[in-house]
Amino acid sequence: MKIKKAVFPAAGFGTRFLPATKAIPKEMLPLVDKPLIQYAVEEAKASGLSEIIIVTGMGKTAIEDHFDTSFELEMLLRERDKTELLKMIENVSGMVHFAYTRQKKPLGLGHAIGITKNLINNEPFAVFLSDDIIDSKTPAMKQMVEVFQRYGTSILAVQKVPKSQAHLYGVIKGKKVAPGVYKVLDLVEKPKSNPPSDLAIIGRYILTPGIFNSLEETKPGKGGEIQLTDALKILIRTQDVFAFEFEGTRYDAGDKLGFLKANISLALKRPDLKADLRKFLRNIKN
């Protein structure tokens, strides 16, 4: 089946970026000159996905406003003959079809995905965590879609990390079945010691509808949250799940240092910014 839909969980409080995120959704923090979530939406579109489901929560209306039409702004830009800016704004609201559902309490990634069941309509679907910015020649999700077309089952994006950092991620135990592709035998969420491998799960998933039954079986963990990793452990009992080591550079923009690195790295790719930014960086005195 062709994958058309993508879920974007965006109901968290973004506490790692307080006080900036007290009134601004973390997903709307600017990466150079676009909000974080727009990079992931553009990746979804470039990967052939056409329906975006954003799971929002309290204080997240700025996300809906960003992807909506802004008549007043468009009229102003038109009157002032700012053609390029007008085209840019129109492209944001016209990229794909957007739908929104609300997670009333932040009960975990698994719960956020679970409440989209009726919108998914028994189809395989993608999940994007917009904290993870992936800079790649071929969009990371497009790479994953190609793997899904080969295997026809759930695909998890993974990346090798130092074992000293494995406690920050969900980590898979896998059997290599093709270059960059592993059959998932087990998963451990943030292992405190002895991680099963150095393959960490990154914020891109393709999931089959069977995940919803697994989520219903998943018991709440710490803080009453439903963890997607726990649901995937249930899912692999009944169907194959594969992990895919994508090609590209990933930035953890949900972390302050990662966010700064992403801003600098992406700005250095911009013809209008790179020369002056390089000069500035060279002249910084410690």
C-alpha atoms as a PDB file:
ATOM      1  CA  MET A   1       0.000   0.000   0.000  1.00  0.00           C
ATOM      2  CA  LYS A   2       1.100   3.542  -0.692  1.00  0.00           C
ATOM      3  CA  ILE A   3       1.798   5.588   2.411  1.00  0.00           C
ATOM      4  CA  LYS A   4      -0.131   8.852   2.320  1.00  0.00           C
ATOM      5  CA  LYS A   5      -0.517   9.866   5.964  1.00  0.00           C
ATOM      6  CA  ALA A   6       1.952  11.135   8.545  1.00  0.00           C
ATOM      7  CA  VAL A   7       1.435  11.760  12.250  1.00  0.00           C
ATOM      8  CA  PHE A   8       3.277  14.608  13.961  1.00  0.00           C
ATOM      9  CA  PRO A   9       3.075  14.403  17.777  1.00  0.00           C
ATOM     10  CA  ALA A  10       3.339  18.010  18.999  1.00  0.00           C
ATOM     11  CA  ALA A  11       1.590  18.182  22.364  1.00  0.00           C
ATOM     12  CA  GLY A  12       4.626  18.209  24.672  1.00  0.00           C
ATOM     13  CA  PHE A  13       5.562  21.181  26.839  1.00  0.00           C
ATOM     14  CA  GLY A  14       9.135  21.566  25.550  1.00  0.00           C
ATOM     15  CA  THR A  15      10.521  21.987  29.060  1.00  0.00           C
ATOM     16  CA  ARG A  16      14.150  21.734  27.910  1.00  0.00           C
ATOM     17  CA  PHE A  17      13.737  25.119  26.215  1.00  0.00           C
ATOM     18  CA  LEU A  18      12.042  27.022  29.016  1.00  0.00           C
ATOM     19  CA  PRO A  19      11.509  29.933  29.381  1.00  0.00           C
ATOM     20  CA  ALA A  20      11.392  30.332  25.568  1.00  0.00           C
ATOM     21  CA  THR A  21       8.666  27.678  25.296  1.00  0.00           C
ATOM     22  CA  LYS A  22       6.463  29.088  28.056  1.00  0.00           C
ATOM     23  CA  ALA A  23       4.319  30.822  25.438  1.00  0.00           C
ATOM     24  CA  ILE A  24       5.766  29.494  22.148  1.00  0.00           C
ATOM     25  CA  PRO A  25       5.419  25.848  21.072  1.00  0.00           C
ATOM     26  CA  LYS A  26       8.793  24.125  20.883  1.00  0.00           C
ATOM     27  CA  GLU A  27       7.877  23.025  17.355  1.00  0.00           C
ATOM     28  CA  MET A  28       7.719  26.696  16.330  1.00  0.00           C
ATOM     29  CA  LEU A  29      11.243  27.603  17.446  1.00  0.00           C
ATOM     30  CA  PRO A  30      13.056  29.025  14.397  1.00  0.00           C
ATOM     31  CA  LEU A  31      15.765  27.001  12.713  1.00  0.00           C
ATOM     32  CA  VAL A  32      17.446  29.719  10.622  1.00  0.00           C
ATOM     33  CA  ASP A  33      14.168  31.193   9.304  1.00  0.00           C
ATOM     34  CA  LYS A  34      11.670  28.315   9.427  1.00  0.00           C
ATOM     35  CA  PRO A  35      10.058  26.648  12.441  1.00  0.00           C
ATOM     36  CA  LEU A  36      11.300  23.191  13.372  1.00  0.00           C
ATOM     37  CA  ILE A  37       8.075  21.455  12.410  1.00  0.00           C
ATOM     38  CA  GLN A  38       8.116  22.914   8.890  1.00  0.00           C
ATOM     39  CA  TYR A  39      11.352  21.077   8.062  1.00  0.00           C
ATOM     40  CA  ALA A  40       9.683  17.765   8.916  1.00  0.00           C
ATOM     41  CA  VAL A  41       6.511  18.654   6.988  1.00  0.00           C
ATOM     42  CA  GLU A  42       8.632  19.513   3.945  1.00  0.00           C
ATOM     43  CA  GLU A  43      10.412  16.172   4.319  1.00  0.00           C
ATOM     44  CA  ALA A  44       7.034  14.425   4.394  1.00  0.00           C
ATOM     45  CA  LYS A  45       5.911  16.154   1.214  1.00  0.00           C
ATOM     46  CA  ALA A  46       9.213  15.414  -0.535  1.00  0.00           C
ATOM     47  CA  SER A  47       8.718  11.749   0.427  1.00  0.00           C
ATOM     48  CA  GLY A  48       5.334  11.558  -1.313  1.00  0.00           C
ATOM     49  CA  LEU A  49       3.095  11.939   1.742  1.00  0.00           C
ATOM     50  CA  SER A  50       0.075  14.181   1.274  1.00  0.00           C
ATOM     51  CA  GLU A  51      -1.949  14.077   4.513  1.00  0.00           C
ATOM     52  CA  ILE A  52      -0.497  15.474   7.746  1.00  0.00           C
ATOM     53  CA  ILE A  53      -2.100  14.769  11.121  1.00  0.00           C
ATOM     54  CA  ILE A  54      -0.715  16.999  13.873  1.00  0.00           C
ATOM     55  CA  VAL A  55      -1.409  15.994  17.469  1.00  0.00           C
ATOM     56  CA  THR A  56      -1.594  19.235  19.437  1.00  0.00           C
ATOM     57  CA  GLY A  57      -2.252  20.215  23.031  1.00  0.00           C
ATOM     58  CA  MET A  58      -2.699  23.254  25.209  1.00  0.00           C
ATOM     59  CA  GLY A  59      -0.957  26.366  23.891  1.00  0.00           C
ATOM     60  CA  LYS A  60      -0.237  24.947  20.439  1.00  0.00           C
ATOM     61  CA  THR A  61      -2.526  27.100  18.294  1.00  0.00           C
ATOM     62  CA  ALA A  62       0.516  28.819  16.736  1.00  0.00           C
ATOM     63  CA  ILE A  63       1.197  25.585  14.822  1.00  0.00           C
ATOM     64  CA  GLU A  64      -2.266  25.633  13.256  1.00  0.00           C
ATOM     65  CA  ASP A  65      -1.939  29.357  12.485  1.00  0.00           C
ATOM     66  CA  HIS A  66       1.425  28.814  10.799  1.00  0.00           C
ATOM     67  CA  PHE A  67       0.069  26.265   8.329  1.00  0.00           C
ATOM     68  CA  ASP A  68      -3.199  28.158   7.772  1.00  0.00           C
ATOM     69  CA  THR A  69      -3.898  30.886   5.222  1.00  0.00           C
ATOM     70  CA  SER A  70      -3.144  34.413   6.439  1.00  0.00           C
ATOM     71  CA  PHE A  71      -5.364  36.696   4.359  1.00  0.00           C
ATOM     72  CA  GLU A  72      -4.161  39.943   5.940  1.00  0.00           C
ATOM     73  CA  LEU A  73      -0.467  39.126   5.545  1.00  0.00           C
ATOM     74  CA  GLU A  74      -0.915  37.895   1.980  1.00  0.00           C
ATOM     75  CA  MET A  75      -2.874  41.043   1.069  1.00  0.00           C
ATOM     76  CA  LEU A  76      -0.165  43.244   2.576  1.00  0.00           C
ATOM     77  CA  LEU A  77       2.604  41.446   0.673  1.00  0.00           C
ATOM     78  CA  ARG A  78       0.589  41.656  -2.538  1.00  0.00           C
ATOM     79  CA  GLU A  79      -0.022  45.393  -2.085  1.00  0.00           C
ATOM     80  CA  ARG A  80       3.682  45.992  -1.467  1.00  0.00           C
ATOM     81  CA  ASP A  81       4.646  43.854  -4.471  1.00  0.00           C
ATOM     82  CA  LYS A  82       6.713  41.465  -2.349  1.00  0.00           C
ATOM     83  CA  THR A  83       6.207  38.606  -4.785  1.00  0.00           C
ATOM     84  CA  GLU A  84       8.835  36.207  -3.460  1.00  0.00           C
ATOM     85  CA  LEU A  85       7.682  36.519   0.151  1.00  0.00           C
ATOM     86  CA  LEU A  86       4.054  36.107  -0.927  1.00  0.00           C
ATOM     87  CA  LYS A  87       4.891  32.920  -2.822  1.00  0.00           C
ATOM     88  CA  MET A  88       6.786  31.580   0.193  1.00  0.00           C
ATOM     89  CA  ILE A  89       3.843  32.214   2.537  1.00  0.00           C
ATOM     90  CA  GLU A  90       1.324  30.700   0.117  1.00  0.00           C
ATOM     91  CA  ASN A  91       3.496  27.590  -0.253  1.00  0.00           C
ATOM     92  CA  VAL A  92       3.475  27.016   3.519  1.00  0.00           C
ATOM     93  CA  SER A  93      -0.307  26.810   3.737  1.00  0.00           C
ATOM     94  CA  GLY A  94      -0.685  24.929   0.454  1.00  0.00           C
ATOM     95  CA  MET A  95       1.974  22.233   0.890  1.00  0.00           C
ATOM     96  CA  VAL A  96      -0.288  19.347   1.943  1.00  0.00           C
ATOM     97  CA  HIS A  97      -3.624  18.663   3.620  1.00  0.00           C
ATOM     98  CA  PHE A  98      -3.537  19.244   7.376  1.00  0.00           C
ATOM     99  CA  ALA A  99      -5.757  17.734  10.066  1.00  0.00           C
ATOM    100  CA  TYR A 100      -5.487  18.272  13.811  1.00  0.00           C
ATOM    101  CA  THR A 101      -6.432  16.260  16.851  1.00  0.00           C
ATOM    102  CA  ARG A 102      -5.874  17.181  20.479  1.00  0.00           C
ATOM    103  CA  GLN A 103      -4.048  15.216  23.163  1.00  0.00           C
ATOM    104  CA  LYS A 104      -5.683  16.548  26.308  1.00  0.00           C
ATOM    105  CA  LYS A 105      -2.943  15.284  28.617  1.00  0.00           C
ATOM    106  CA  PRO A 106       0.737  14.620  27.780  1.00  0.00           C
ATOM    107  CA  LEU A 107       0.574  10.848  28.277  1.00  0.00           C
ATOM    108  CA  GLY A 108       3.481   9.840  26.086  1.00  0.00           C
ATOM    109  CA  LEU A 109       4.373   9.276  22.447  1.00  0.00           C
ATOM    110  CA  GLY A 110       2.438   6.021  22.291  1.00  0.00           C
ATOM    111  CA  HIS A 111      -0.721   7.702  23.563  1.00  0.00           C
ATOM    112  CA  ALA A 112      -0.324  10.553  21.048  1.00  0.00           C
ATOM    113  CA  ILE A 113      -0.132   8.061  18.190  1.00  0.00           C
ATOM    114  CA  GLY A 114      -2.999   5.992  19.590  1.00  0.00           C
ATOM    115  CA  ILE A 115      -5.507   8.836  19.472  1.00  0.00           C
ATOM    116  CA  THR A 116      -5.030   9.136  15.695  1.00  0.00           C
ATOM    117  CA  LYS A 117      -6.480   5.673  15.040  1.00  0.00           C
ATOM    118  CA  ASN A 118      -9.765   6.897  13.542  1.00  0.00           C
ATOM    119  CA  LEU A 119      -7.927   9.344  11.271  1.00  0.00           C
ATOM    120  CA  ILE A 120      -5.488   6.712   9.997  1.00  0.00           C
ATOM    121  CA  ASN A 121      -8.335   4.497   8.746  1.00  0.00           C
ATOM    122  CA  ASN A 122      -6.480   1.164   8.849  1.00  0.00           C
ATOM    123  CA  GLU A 123      -3.587   2.254   6.627  1.00  0.00           C
ATOM    124  CA  PRO A 124       0.181   2.123   7.130  1.00  0.00           C
ATOM    125  CA  PHE A 125       1.399   5.567   8.131  1.00  0.00           C
ATOM    126  CA  ALA A 126       4.526   7.557   8.960  1.00  0.00           C
ATOM    127  CA  VAL A 127       5.447   9.252  12.224  1.00  0.00           C
ATOM    128  CA  PHE A 128       7.741  12.274  12.435  1.00  0.00           C
ATOM    129  CA  LEU A 129       9.277  13.688  15.594  1.00  0.00           C
ATOM    130  CA  SER A 130      10.090  17.232  14.515  1.00  0.00           C
ATOM    131  CA  ASP A 131      12.875  17.523  17.121  1.00  0.00           C
ATOM    132  CA  ASP A 132      14.949  15.328  14.831  1.00  0.00           C
ATOM    133  CA  ILE A 133      16.198  17.335  11.879  1.00  0.00           C
ATOM    134  CA  ILE A 134      17.733  15.096   9.222  1.00  0.00           C
ATOM    135  CA  ASP A 135      19.805  16.737   6.504  1.00  0.00           C
ATOM    136  CA  SER A 136      20.158  14.308   3.611  1.00  0.00           C
ATOM    137  CA  LYS A 137      20.405  14.257  -0.166  1.00  0.00           C
ATOM    138  CA  THR A 138      17.416  11.912  -0.364  1.00  0.00           C
ATOM    139  CA  PRO A 139      14.810  12.689   2.329  1.00  0.00           C
ATOM    140  CA  ALA A 140      15.132  10.217   5.197  1.00  0.00           C
ATOM    141  CA  MET A 141      11.459   9.288   5.050  1.00  0.00           C
ATOM    142  CA  LYS A 142      11.666   8.682   1.302  1.00  0.00           C
ATOM    143  CA  GLN A 143      14.505   6.235   1.996  1.00  0.00           C
ATOM    144  CA  MET A 144      12.270   4.519   4.556  1.00  0.00           C
ATOM    145  CA  VAL A 145       9.300   4.358   2.179  1.00  0.00           C
ATOM    146  CA  GLU A 146      11.493   2.488  -0.302  1.00  0.00           C
ATOM    147  CA  VAL A 147      12.411  -0.019   2.433  1.00  0.00           C
ATOM    148  CA  PHE A 148       8.737  -0.370   3.379  1.00  0.00           C
ATOM    149  CA  GLN A 149       7.837  -1.152  -0.226  1.00  0.00           C
ATOM    150  CA  ARG A 150      10.367  -3.976  -0.076  1.00  0.00           C
ATOM    151  CA  TYR A 151       9.242  -5.519   3.222  1.00  0.00           C
ATOM    152  CA  GLY A 152       5.648  -4.284   3.687  1.00  0.00           C
ATOM    153  CA  THR A 153       5.831  -3.950   7.462  1.00  0.00           C
ATOM    154  CA  SER A 154       6.796  -1.470  10.176  1.00  0.00           C
ATOM    155  CA  ILE A 155      10.135   0.315   9.731  1.00  0.00           C
ATOM    156  CA  LEU A 156      12.071   2.183  12.427  1.00  0.00           C
ATOM    157  CA  ALA A 157      14.794   4.706  11.615  1.00  0.00           C
ATOM    158  CA  VAL A 158      18.013   3.962  13.493  1.00  0.00           C
ATOM    159  CA  GLN A 159      21.442   5.501  13.776  1.00  0.00           C
ATOM    160  CA  LYS A 160      24.634   4.247  15.370  1.00  0.00           C
ATOM    161  CA  VAL A 161      25.500   6.111  18.575  1.00  0.00           C
ATOM    162  CA  PRO A 162      28.322   5.681  21.100  1.00  0.00           C
ATOM    163  CA  LYS A 163      27.251   3.133  23.701  1.00  0.00           C
ATOM    164  CA  SER A 164      27.942   5.779  26.334  1.00  0.00           C
ATOM    165  CA  GLN A 165      24.973   7.712  24.898  1.00  0.00           C
ATOM    166  CA  ALA A 166      22.622   4.732  24.472  1.00  0.00           C
ATOM    167  CA  HIS A 167      20.820   5.603  27.717  1.00  0.00           C
ATOM    168  CA  LEU A 168      19.340   8.627  25.924  1.00  0.00           C
ATOM    169  CA  TYR A 169      17.508   6.545  23.309  1.00  0.00           C
ATOM    170  CA  GLY A 170      15.392   3.545  22.579  1.00  0.00           C
ATOM    171  CA  VAL A 171      17.847   0.892  21.360  1.00  0.00           C
ATOM    172  CA  ILE A 172      17.198  -2.174  19.218  1.00  0.00           C
ATOM    173  CA  LYS A 173      18.589  -5.669  19.221  1.00  0.00           C
ATOM    174  CA  GLY A 174      18.614  -6.657  15.589  1.00  0.00           C
ATOM    175  CA  LYS A 175      19.710  -9.180  12.987  1.00  0.00           C
ATOM    176  CA  LYS A 176      21.146  -7.717   9.806  1.00  0.00           C
ATOM    177  CA  VAL A 177      19.176  -8.875   6.758  1.00  0.00           C
ATOM    178  CA  ALA A 178      20.437  -6.436   4.096  1.00  0.00           C
ATOM    179  CA  PRO A 179      22.786  -3.441   3.906  1.00  0.00           C
ATOM    180  CA  GLY A 180      21.477  -0.986   6.495  1.00  0.00           C
ATOM    181  CA  VAL A 181      18.412  -3.127   7.294  1.00  0.00           C
ATOM    182  CA  TYR A 182      17.902  -5.129  10.497  1.00  0.00           C
ATOM    183  CA  LYS A 183      15.120  -7.394  11.687  1.00  0.00           C
ATOM    184  CA  VAL A 184      14.188  -6.157  15.160  1.00  0.00           C
ATOM    185  CA  LEU A 185      14.428  -8.899  17.787  1.00  0.00           C
ATOM    186  CA  ASP A 186      13.981  -6.691  20.850  1.00  0.00           C
ATOM    187  CA  LEU A 187      13.851  -3.065  21.959  1.00  0.00           C
ATOM    188  CA  VAL A 188      14.962  -1.382  25.168  1.00  0.00           C
ATOM    189  CA  GLU A 189      13.893   2.126  26.126  1.00  0.00           C
ATOM    190  CA  LYS A 190      16.815   4.171  27.517  1.00  0.00           C
ATOM    191  CA  PRO A 191      18.897   1.256  28.812  1.00  0.00           C
ATOM    192  CA  LYS A 192      20.740   2.166  32.011  1.00  0.00           C
ATOM    193  CA  SER A 193      23.518  -0.325  31.279  1.00  0.00           C
ATOM    194  CA  ASN A 194      24.504  -2.991  28.738  1.00  0.00           C
ATOM    195  CA  PRO A 195      22.569  -1.692  25.711  1.00  0.00           C
ATOM    196  CA  PRO A 196      21.716  -4.492  23.259  1.00  0.00           C
ATOM    197  CA  SER A 197      23.497  -2.660  20.400  1.00  0.00           C
ATOM    198  CA  ASP A 198      24.677   0.749  19.272  1.00  0.00           C
ATOM    199  CA  LEU A 199      21.608   1.235  17.037  1.00  0.00           C
ATOM    200  CA  ALA A 200      19.417   3.980  18.498  1.00  0.00           C
ATOM    201  CA  ILE A 201      15.881   4.704  17.327  1.00  0.00           C
ATOM    202  CA  ILE A 202      15.566   8.148  15.726  1.00  0.00           C
ATOM    203  CA  GLY A 203      12.360  10.136  15.272  1.00  0.00           C
ATOM    204  CA  ARG A 204      11.092   8.625  12.023  1.00  0.00           C
ATOM    205  CA  TYR A 205       8.790   5.602  11.848  1.00  0.00           C
ATOM    206  CA  ILE A 206       6.583   3.792   9.383  1.00  0.00           C
ATOM    207  CA  LEU A 207       3.941   1.835  11.273  1.00  0.00           C
ATOM    208  CA  THR A 208       1.291  -0.653  10.231  1.00  0.00           C
ATOM    209  CA  PRO A 209      -2.231  -0.414  11.708  1.00  0.00           C
ATOM    210  CA  GLY A 210      -1.365  -3.334  13.995  1.00  0.00           C
ATOM    211  CA  ILE A 211       0.400  -0.818  16.235  1.00  0.00           C
ATOM    212  CA  PHE A 212      -2.970   0.368  17.518  1.00  0.00           C
ATOM    213  CA  ASN A 213      -3.830  -3.056  18.972  1.00  0.00           C
ATOM    214  CA  SER A 214      -0.381  -3.152  20.557  1.00  0.00           C
ATOM    215  CA  LEU A 215      -0.882   0.305  22.043  1.00  0.00           C
ATOM    216  CA  GLU A 216      -4.176  -0.814  23.568  1.00  0.00           C
ATOM    217  CA  GLU A 217      -2.306  -3.663  25.276  1.00  0.00           C
ATOM    218  CA  THR A 218       0.515  -1.427  26.491  1.00  0.00           C
ATOM    219  CA  LYS A 219       0.455  -0.608  30.177  1.00  0.00           C
ATOM    220  CA  PRO A 220       1.355   2.913  31.326  1.00  0.00           C
ATOM    221  CA  GLY A 221       4.918   3.367  32.510  1.00  0.00           C
ATOM    222  CA  LYS A 222       6.610   6.118  34.477  1.00  0.00           C
ATOM    223  CA  GLY A 223       4.392   9.167  34.889  1.00  0.00           C
ATOM    224  CA  GLY A 224       1.437   7.269  33.455  1.00  0.00           C
ATOM    225  CA  GLU A 225       2.854   7.563  29.937  1.00  0.00           C
ATOM    226  CA  ILE A 226       2.285   5.054  27.141  1.00  0.00           C
ATOM    227  CA  GLN A 227       5.640   4.398  25.517  1.00  0.00           C
ATOM    228  CA  LEU A 228       5.797   3.577  21.810  1.00  0.00           C
ATOM    229  CA  THR A 229       8.831   1.350  22.451  1.00  0.00           C
ATOM    230  CA  ASP A 230       6.742  -0.838  24.785  1.00  0.00           C
ATOM    231  CA  ALA A 231       4.026  -1.143  22.128  1.00  0.00           C
ATOM    232  CA  LEU A 232       6.615  -2.111  19.513  1.00  0.00           C
ATOM    233  CA  LYS A 233       7.866  -4.873  21.829  1.00  0.00           C
ATOM    234  CA  ILE A 234       4.326  -6.263  21.769  1.00  0.00           C
ATOM    235  CA  LEU A 235       4.011  -5.799  18.004  1.00  0.00           C
ATOM    236  CA  ILE A 236       7.105  -7.879  17.191  1.00  0.00           C
ATOM    237  CA  ARG A 237       5.429 -10.899  18.798  1.00  0.00           C
ATOM    238  CA  THR A 238       2.936 -11.057  15.938  1.00  0.00           C
ATOM    239  CA  GLN A 239       4.608  -9.412  12.947  1.00  0.00           C
ATOM    240  CA  ASP A 240       8.056  -8.544  11.672  1.00  0.00           C
ATOM    241  CA  VAL A 241       9.455  -5.103  12.390  1.00  0.00           C
ATOM    242  CA  PHE A 242      12.569  -3.832  10.643  1.00  0.00           C
ATOM    243  CA  ALA A 243      15.046  -1.082  11.454  1.00  0.00           C
ATOM    244  CA  PHE A 244      16.725   0.995   8.772  1.00  0.00           C
ATOM    245  CA  GLU A 245      20.003   2.866   9.085  1.00  0.00           C
ATOM    246  CA  PHE A 246      19.230   5.936   6.981  1.00  0.00           C
ATOM    247  CA  GLU A 247      21.789   8.067   5.148  1.00  0.00           C
ATOM    248  CA  GLY A 248      22.044  11.653   6.344  1.00  0.00           C
ATOM    249  CA  THR A 249      23.118  13.899   9.178  1.00  0.00           C
ATOM    250  CA  ARG A 250      20.761  14.063  12.126  1.00  0.00           C
ATOM    251  CA  TYR A 251      20.551  16.944  14.574  1.00  0.00           C
ATOM    252  CA  ASP A 252      18.754  16.618  17.905  1.00  0.00           C
ATOM    253  CA  ALA A 253      17.048  20.005  17.841  1.00  0.00           C
ATOM    254  CA  GLY A 254      15.167  19.126  21.031  1.00  0.00           C
ATOM    255  CA  ASP A 255      18.474  19.629  22.844  1.00  0.00           C
ATOM    256  CA  LYS A 256      19.955  23.121  23.243  1.00  0.00           C
ATOM    257  CA  LEU A 257      23.378  22.213  21.878  1.00  0.00           C
ATOM    258  CA  GLY A 258      21.869  20.168  19.047  1.00  0.00           C
ATOM    259  CA  PHE A 259      19.565  23.068  18.201  1.00  0.00           C
ATOM    260  CA  LEU A 260      22.522  25.453  17.968  1.00  0.00           C
ATOM    261  CA  LYS A 261      24.497  22.989  15.833  1.00  0.00           C
ATOM    262  CA  ALA A 262      21.533  22.595  13.462  1.00  0.00           C
ATOM    263  CA  ASN A 263      21.179  26.362  13.088  1.00  0.00           C
ATOM    264  CA  ILE A 264      24.851  26.819  12.272  1.00  0.00           C
ATOM    265  CA  SER A 265      25.105  23.820   9.935  1.00  0.00           C
ATOM    266  CA  LEU A 266      21.998  24.710   7.930  1.00  0.00           C
ATOM    267  CA  ALA A 267      22.889  28.390   7.801  1.00  0.00           C
ATOM    268  CA  LEU A 268      26.301  27.469   6.363  1.00  0.00           C
ATOM    269  CA  LYS A 269      24.455  25.859   3.435  1.00  0.00           C
ATOM    270  CA  ARG A 270      22.621  29.077   2.626  1.00  0.00           C
ATOM    271  CA  PRO A 271      24.211  31.167  -0.168  1.00  0.00           C
ATOM    272  CA  ASP A 272      22.903  34.369   1.442  1.00  0.00           C
ATOM    273  CA  LEU A 273      24.397  33.586   4.855  1.00  0.00           C
ATOM    274  CA  LYS A 274      27.367  31.253   4.599  1.00  0.00           C
ATOM    275  CA  ALA A 275      30.165  33.743   3.761  1.00  0.00           C
ATOM    276  CA  ASP A 276      29.365  36.202   6.548  1.00  0.00           C
ATOM    277  CA  LEU A 277      28.666  33.412   9.034  1.00  0.00           C
ATOM    278  CA  ARG A 278      31.985  31.691   8.301  1.00  0.00           C
ATOM    279  CA  LYS A 279      33.772  35.008   8.774  1.00  0.00           C
ATOM    280  CA  PHE A 280      31.976  35.556  12.070  1.00  0.00           C
ATOM    281  CA  LEU A 281      32.790  32.058  13.342  1.00  0.00           C
ATOM    282  CA  ARG A 282      36.470  32.423  12.431  1.00  0.00           C
ATOM    283  CA  ASN A 283      36.681  35.687  14.360  1.00  0.00           C
ATOM    284  CA  ILE A 284      35.066  34.416  17.556  1.00  0.00           C
ATOM    285  CA  LYS A 285      37.500  34.680  20.442  1.00  0.00           C
ATOM    286  CA  ASN A 286      37.189  32.147  23.265  1.00  0.00           C
END
